[in-house]
Amino acid sequence: MAVMGDQLTLVYRHSFAEGYSVFIIIPSSGISSSGTKEFDLLMNRARTLDYYDRELKAYLVLMDLIPALEAGDVRKIGDVVWEIEFRGGKRAEIEHHTFAIYAHMNRLREAGFEFVGMSSVGPSIAVITQRPRQDVEAAIAPIGLEIAIETTVDNTGILVDYLVD
């Protein structure tokens, strides 16, 4: 996981949830999250809210998130990210997709998954857990959602081999 400051300054980086399963759920949304709408959301509404919540978000990252990353406590990391979801720019993104996205994420949190968070501007939801796929499917099936992508955390990322002629 990387913590970035303003102007994409790398503040902190640490391995995260090695070996955990990742399930991406993409609720249908008629709301655009790309192009000028994304830019306007991030550069106008989100920046204003980030300004208002900067002290709280900085505290959460410095005093809670980074120590949880150091300890490898995925549940605590999930709790901190959940709190950040409703602060600053993340709040603007949640509002952008209406609070239906919150209801979906909250259902997953109430089901006890270690980490539930929305992608950058949504509407994709990431569930990071040691629990099996069947548990995630059981939590989302009643609300008509499905797993779109399943992978495992390896803290390596995509590796591309290429040949140089």
C-alpha atoms as a PDB file:
ATOM      1  CA  MET A   1       0.000   0.000   0.000  1.00  0.00           C
ATOM      2  CA  ALA A   2       1.272   3.443  -0.833  1.00  0.00           C
ATOM      3  CA  VAL A   3       0.353   6.655   0.955  1.00  0.00           C
ATOM      4  CA  MET A   4       0.613   9.613  -1.385  1.00  0.00           C
ATOM      5  CA  GLY A   5       0.646  13.277  -0.475  1.00  0.00           C
ATOM      6  CA  ASP A   6      -0.255  16.229  -2.636  1.00  0.00           C
ATOM      7  CA  GLN A   7       1.268  16.329  -6.107  1.00  0.00           C
ATOM      8  CA  LEU A   8       1.653  12.524  -5.911  1.00  0.00           C
ATOM      9  CA  THR A   9       4.471  12.719  -3.389  1.00  0.00           C
ATOM     10  CA  LEU A  10       5.243   9.264  -2.011  1.00  0.00           C
ATOM     11  CA  VAL A  11       4.940   9.503   1.771  1.00  0.00           C
ATOM     12  CA  TYR A  12       5.009   5.841   2.787  1.00  0.00           C
ATOM     13  CA  ARG A  13       4.939   2.398   1.188  1.00  0.00           C
ATOM     14  CA  HIS A  14       4.568  -1.004   2.833  1.00  0.00           C
ATOM     15  CA  SER A  15       3.517  -4.512   1.858  1.00  0.00           C
ATOM     16  CA  PHE A  16      -0.146  -5.145   2.504  1.00  0.00           C
ATOM     17  CA  ALA A  17      -2.352  -8.212   2.994  1.00  0.00           C
ATOM     18  CA  GLU A  18       0.081 -10.681   1.399  1.00  0.00           C
ATOM     19  CA  GLY A  19      -1.787 -13.857   0.427  1.00  0.00           C
ATOM     20  CA  TYR A  20      -5.254 -12.410   1.063  1.00  0.00           C
ATOM     21  CA  SER A  21      -7.976 -12.758  -1.569  1.00  0.00           C
ATOM     22  CA  VAL A  22      -9.235  -9.680  -3.380  1.00  0.00           C
ATOM     23  CA  PHE A  23     -12.748  -9.560  -4.793  1.00  0.00           C
ATOM     24  CA  ILE A  24     -13.815  -6.671  -7.002  1.00  0.00           C
ATOM     25  CA  ILE A  25     -17.535  -5.997  -7.198  1.00  0.00           C
ATOM     26  CA  ILE A  26     -18.782  -3.462  -9.741  1.00  0.00           C
ATOM     27  CA  PRO A  27     -22.330  -2.286  -9.022  1.00  0.00           C
ATOM     28  CA  SER A  28     -24.188  -0.926 -12.017  1.00  0.00           C
ATOM     29  CA  SER A  29     -24.239   2.842 -12.085  1.00  0.00           C
ATOM     30  CA  GLY A  30     -25.623   5.248 -14.612  1.00  0.00           C
ATOM     31  CA  ILE A  31     -23.289   7.888 -13.201  1.00  0.00           C
ATOM     32  CA  SER A  32     -20.153   8.719 -15.164  1.00  0.00           C
ATOM     33  CA  SER A  33     -16.841   8.434 -13.358  1.00  0.00           C
ATOM     34  CA  SER A  34     -14.541   9.349 -16.199  1.00  0.00           C
ATOM     35  CA  GLY A  35     -13.414  12.253 -18.336  1.00  0.00           C
ATOM     36  CA  THR A  36     -14.464  15.771 -17.423  1.00  0.00           C
ATOM     37  CA  LYS A  37     -16.966  14.586 -14.803  1.00  0.00           C
ATOM     38  CA  GLU A  38     -14.179  12.774 -12.935  1.00  0.00           C
ATOM     39  CA  PHE A  39     -11.870  15.776 -13.269  1.00  0.00           C
ATOM     40  CA  ASP A  40     -14.535  18.187 -11.998  1.00  0.00           C
ATOM     41  CA  LEU A  41     -15.370  15.892  -9.094  1.00  0.00           C
ATOM     42  CA  LEU A  42     -11.739  15.437  -8.042  1.00  0.00           C
ATOM     43  CA  MET A  43     -10.448  18.944  -8.665  1.00  0.00           C
ATOM     44  CA  ASN A  44     -13.420  20.890  -7.378  1.00  0.00           C
ATOM     45  CA  ARG A  45     -15.661  19.153  -4.839  1.00  0.00           C
ATOM     46  CA  ALA A  46     -13.085  16.628  -3.575  1.00  0.00           C
ATOM     47  CA  ARG A  47     -10.287  19.177  -3.130  1.00  0.00           C
ATOM     48  CA  THR A  48     -12.605  21.431  -1.125  1.00  0.00           C
ATOM     49  CA  LEU A  49     -13.664  18.575   1.159  1.00  0.00           C
ATOM     50  CA  ASP A  50     -10.041  17.402   1.509  1.00  0.00           C
ATOM     51  CA  TYR A  51      -9.151  20.907   2.678  1.00  0.00           C
ATOM     52  CA  TYR A  52     -11.849  20.772   5.371  1.00  0.00           C
ATOM     53  CA  ASP A  53     -10.901  17.302   6.596  1.00  0.00           C
ATOM     54  CA  ARG A  54      -7.123  17.445   6.185  1.00  0.00           C
ATOM     55  CA  GLU A  55      -6.252  17.371   9.897  1.00  0.00           C
ATOM     56  CA  LEU A  56      -8.471  14.345  10.580  1.00  0.00           C
ATOM     57  CA  LYS A  57      -7.267  12.449   7.505  1.00  0.00           C
ATOM     58  CA  ALA A  58      -3.629  13.195   8.320  1.00  0.00           C
ATOM     59  CA  TYR A  59      -4.185  11.977  11.879  1.00  0.00           C
ATOM     60  CA  LEU A  60      -5.891   8.789  10.689  1.00  0.00           C
ATOM     61  CA  VAL A  61      -3.060   8.033   8.258  1.00  0.00           C
ATOM     62  CA  LEU A  62      -0.187   8.875  10.601  1.00  0.00           C
ATOM     63  CA  MET A  63      -1.529   7.558  13.891  1.00  0.00           C
ATOM     64  CA  ASP A  64      -3.706   4.644  12.742  1.00  0.00           C
ATOM     65  CA  LEU A  65      -3.081   3.495   9.154  1.00  0.00           C
ATOM     66  CA  ILE A  66       0.722   3.445   9.108  1.00  0.00           C
ATOM     67  CA  PRO A  67       1.015   1.622  12.467  1.00  0.00           C
ATOM     68  CA  ALA A  68      -1.587  -0.920  11.286  1.00  0.00           C
ATOM     69  CA  LEU A  69       0.389  -1.457   8.061  1.00  0.00           C
ATOM     70  CA  GLU A  70       3.571  -1.954  10.082  1.00  0.00           C
ATOM     71  CA  ALA A  71       1.775  -4.496  12.279  1.00  0.00           C
ATOM     72  CA  GLY A  72       0.161  -6.274   9.309  1.00  0.00           C
ATOM     73  CA  ASP A  73      -3.264  -5.777  10.897  1.00  0.00           C
ATOM     74  CA  VAL A  74      -5.558  -5.958   7.866  1.00  0.00           C
ATOM     75  CA  ARG A  75      -8.721  -5.580   9.934  1.00  0.00           C
ATOM     76  CA  LYS A  76      -7.439  -2.338  11.519  1.00  0.00           C
ATOM     77  CA  ILE A  77      -6.334  -1.106   8.081  1.00  0.00           C
ATOM     78  CA  GLY A  78      -9.862  -1.831   6.863  1.00  0.00           C
ATOM     79  CA  ASP A  79     -11.326   0.117   9.790  1.00  0.00           C
ATOM     80  CA  VAL A  80      -9.142   3.146   9.026  1.00  0.00           C
ATOM     81  CA  VAL A  81      -9.888   3.062   5.300  1.00  0.00           C
ATOM     82  CA  TRP A  82     -13.593   2.727   6.111  1.00  0.00           C
ATOM     83  CA  GLU A  83     -13.363   5.901   8.195  1.00  0.00           C
ATOM     84  CA  ILE A  84     -11.513   7.707   5.401  1.00  0.00           C
ATOM     85  CA  GLU A  85     -14.201   6.670   2.891  1.00  0.00           C
ATOM     86  CA  PHE A  86     -16.453   9.319   4.411  1.00  0.00           C
ATOM     87  CA  ARG A  87     -13.922  12.113   4.777  1.00  0.00           C
ATOM     88  CA  GLY A  88     -12.590  14.627   2.319  1.00  0.00           C
ATOM     89  CA  GLY A  89     -12.382  13.672  -1.318  1.00  0.00           C
ATOM     90  CA  LYS A  90     -13.606  10.117  -0.731  1.00  0.00           C
ATOM     91  CA  ARG A  91     -16.855  11.559   0.608  1.00  0.00           C
ATOM     92  CA  ALA A  92     -17.326  13.449  -2.652  1.00  0.00           C
ATOM     93  CA  GLU A  93     -16.846  10.215  -4.586  1.00  0.00           C
ATOM     94  CA  ILE A  94     -19.335   8.313  -2.405  1.00  0.00           C
ATOM     95  CA  GLU A  95     -21.870  11.137  -2.822  1.00  0.00           C
ATOM     96  CA  HIS A  96     -21.226  11.136  -6.582  1.00  0.00           C
ATOM     97  CA  HIS A  97     -22.523   7.571  -6.806  1.00  0.00           C
ATOM     98  CA  THR A  98     -25.368   8.230  -4.367  1.00  0.00           C
ATOM     99  CA  PHE A  99     -25.443   6.541  -1.037  1.00  0.00           C
ATOM    100  CA  ALA A 100     -26.408   3.221  -2.662  1.00  0.00           C
ATOM    101  CA  ILE A 101     -22.668   2.529  -2.900  1.00  0.00           C
ATOM    102  CA  TYR A 102     -22.441   3.097   0.851  1.00  0.00           C
ATOM    103  CA  ALA A 103     -25.278   0.622   1.442  1.00  0.00           C
ATOM    104  CA  HIS A 104     -23.466  -2.043  -0.593  1.00  0.00           C
ATOM    105  CA  MET A 105     -20.177  -1.449   1.207  1.00  0.00           C
ATOM    106  CA  ASN A 106     -21.876  -1.345   4.590  1.00  0.00           C
ATOM    107  CA  ARG A 107     -23.512  -4.705   3.929  1.00  0.00           C
ATOM    108  CA  LEU A 108     -20.050  -6.165   3.310  1.00  0.00           C
ATOM    109  CA  ARG A 109     -18.652  -4.533   6.446  1.00  0.00           C
ATOM    110  CA  GLU A 110     -21.531  -5.885   8.507  1.00  0.00           C
ATOM    111  CA  ALA A 111     -20.774  -9.350   7.076  1.00  0.00           C
ATOM    112  CA  GLY A 112     -17.390  -9.013   8.802  1.00  0.00           C
ATOM    113  CA  PHE A 113     -14.948  -8.769   5.896  1.00  0.00           C
ATOM    114  CA  GLU A 114     -11.590  -7.373   6.929  1.00  0.00           C
ATOM    115  CA  PHE A 115     -11.276  -4.642   4.291  1.00  0.00           C
ATOM    116  CA  VAL A 116     -14.001  -3.012   2.197  1.00  0.00           C
ATOM    117  CA  GLY A 117     -13.288   0.085   0.138  1.00  0.00           C
ATOM    118  CA  MET A 118     -14.339   1.885  -3.004  1.00  0.00           C
ATOM    119  CA  SER A 119     -11.973   2.352  -5.927  1.00  0.00           C
ATOM    120  CA  SER A 120     -10.717   5.830  -6.722  1.00  0.00           C
ATOM    121  CA  VAL A 121     -13.944   7.420  -7.944  1.00  0.00           C
ATOM    122  CA  GLY A 122     -15.985   4.238  -7.976  1.00  0.00           C
ATOM    123  CA  PRO A 123     -18.235   2.500  -8.342  1.00  0.00           C
ATOM    124  CA  SER A 124     -15.988  -0.575  -7.946  1.00  0.00           C
ATOM    125  CA  ILE A 125     -15.797  -2.049  -4.457  1.00  0.00           C
ATOM    126  CA  ALA A 126     -12.783  -4.027  -3.241  1.00  0.00           C
ATOM    127  CA  VAL A 127     -13.125  -6.709  -0.580  1.00  0.00           C
ATOM    128  CA  ILE A 128      -9.827  -7.970   0.817  1.00  0.00           C
ATOM    129  CA  THR A 129     -10.249 -11.001   3.022  1.00  0.00           C
ATOM    130  CA  GLN A 130      -8.996 -14.406   4.087  1.00  0.00           C
ATOM    131  CA  ARG A 131     -12.542 -15.740   3.857  1.00  0.00           C
ATOM    132  CA  PRO A 132     -13.602 -17.869   0.868  1.00  0.00           C
ATOM    133  CA  ARG A 133     -15.321 -16.637  -2.285  1.00  0.00           C
ATOM    134  CA  GLN A 134     -18.560 -18.328  -1.180  1.00  0.00           C
ATOM    135  CA  ASP A 135     -18.801 -15.990   1.822  1.00  0.00           C
ATOM    136  CA  VAL A 136     -18.522 -12.907  -0.402  1.00  0.00           C
ATOM    137  CA  GLU A 137     -21.061 -14.312  -2.866  1.00  0.00           C
ATOM    138  CA  ALA A 138     -23.484 -15.050  -0.014  1.00  0.00           C
ATOM    139  CA  ALA A 139     -23.215 -11.458   1.223  1.00  0.00           C
ATOM    140  CA  ILE A 140     -23.810  -9.803  -2.160  1.00  0.00           C
ATOM    141  CA  ALA A 141     -26.236 -12.187  -3.905  1.00  0.00           C
ATOM    142  CA  PRO A 142     -29.324 -10.909  -2.027  1.00  0.00           C
ATOM    143  CA  ILE A 143     -28.683  -7.400  -3.395  1.00  0.00           C
ATOM    144  CA  GLY A 144     -28.107  -8.576  -6.944  1.00  0.00           C
ATOM    145  CA  LEU A 145     -24.344  -8.038  -7.096  1.00  0.00           C
ATOM    146  CA  GLU A 146     -21.672 -10.372  -8.442  1.00  0.00           C
ATOM    147  CA  ILE A 147     -17.912 -10.683  -8.174  1.00  0.00           C
ATOM    148  CA  ALA A 148     -16.327  -9.218 -11.316  1.00  0.00           C
ATOM    149  CA  ILE A 149     -12.667  -9.968 -10.578  1.00  0.00           C
ATOM    150  CA  GLU A 150     -10.910 -12.262  -8.126  1.00  0.00           C
ATOM    151  CA  THR A 151      -7.191 -12.235  -7.429  1.00  0.00           C
ATOM    152  CA  THR A 152      -4.697 -12.670  -4.612  1.00  0.00           C
ATOM    153  CA  VAL A 153      -2.417 -10.040  -3.092  1.00  0.00           C
ATOM    154  CA  ASP A 154       1.238 -10.673  -3.938  1.00  0.00           C
ATOM    155  CA  ASN A 155       2.697  -7.178  -3.350  1.00  0.00           C
ATOM    156  CA  THR A 156       4.506  -7.446  -6.668  1.00  0.00           C
ATOM    157  CA  GLY A 157       2.003  -6.087  -9.148  1.00  0.00           C
ATOM    158  CA  ILE A 158       2.056  -6.667 -12.857  1.00  0.00           C
ATOM    159  CA  LEU A 159       5.349  -7.764 -14.310  1.00  0.00           C
ATOM    160  CA  VAL A 160       5.894  -7.299 -18.022  1.00  0.00           C
ATOM    161  CA  ASP A 161       8.614  -9.183 -19.868  1.00  0.00           C
ATOM    162  CA  TYR A 162       9.515  -7.836 -23.241  1.00  0.00           C
ATOM    163  CA  LEU A 163      12.088  -8.614 -25.818  1.00  0.00           C
ATOM    164  CA  VAL A 164      14.398  -5.967 -27.191  1.00  0.00           C
ATOM    165  CA  ASP A 165      15.245  -6.500 -30.848  1.00  0.00           C
END
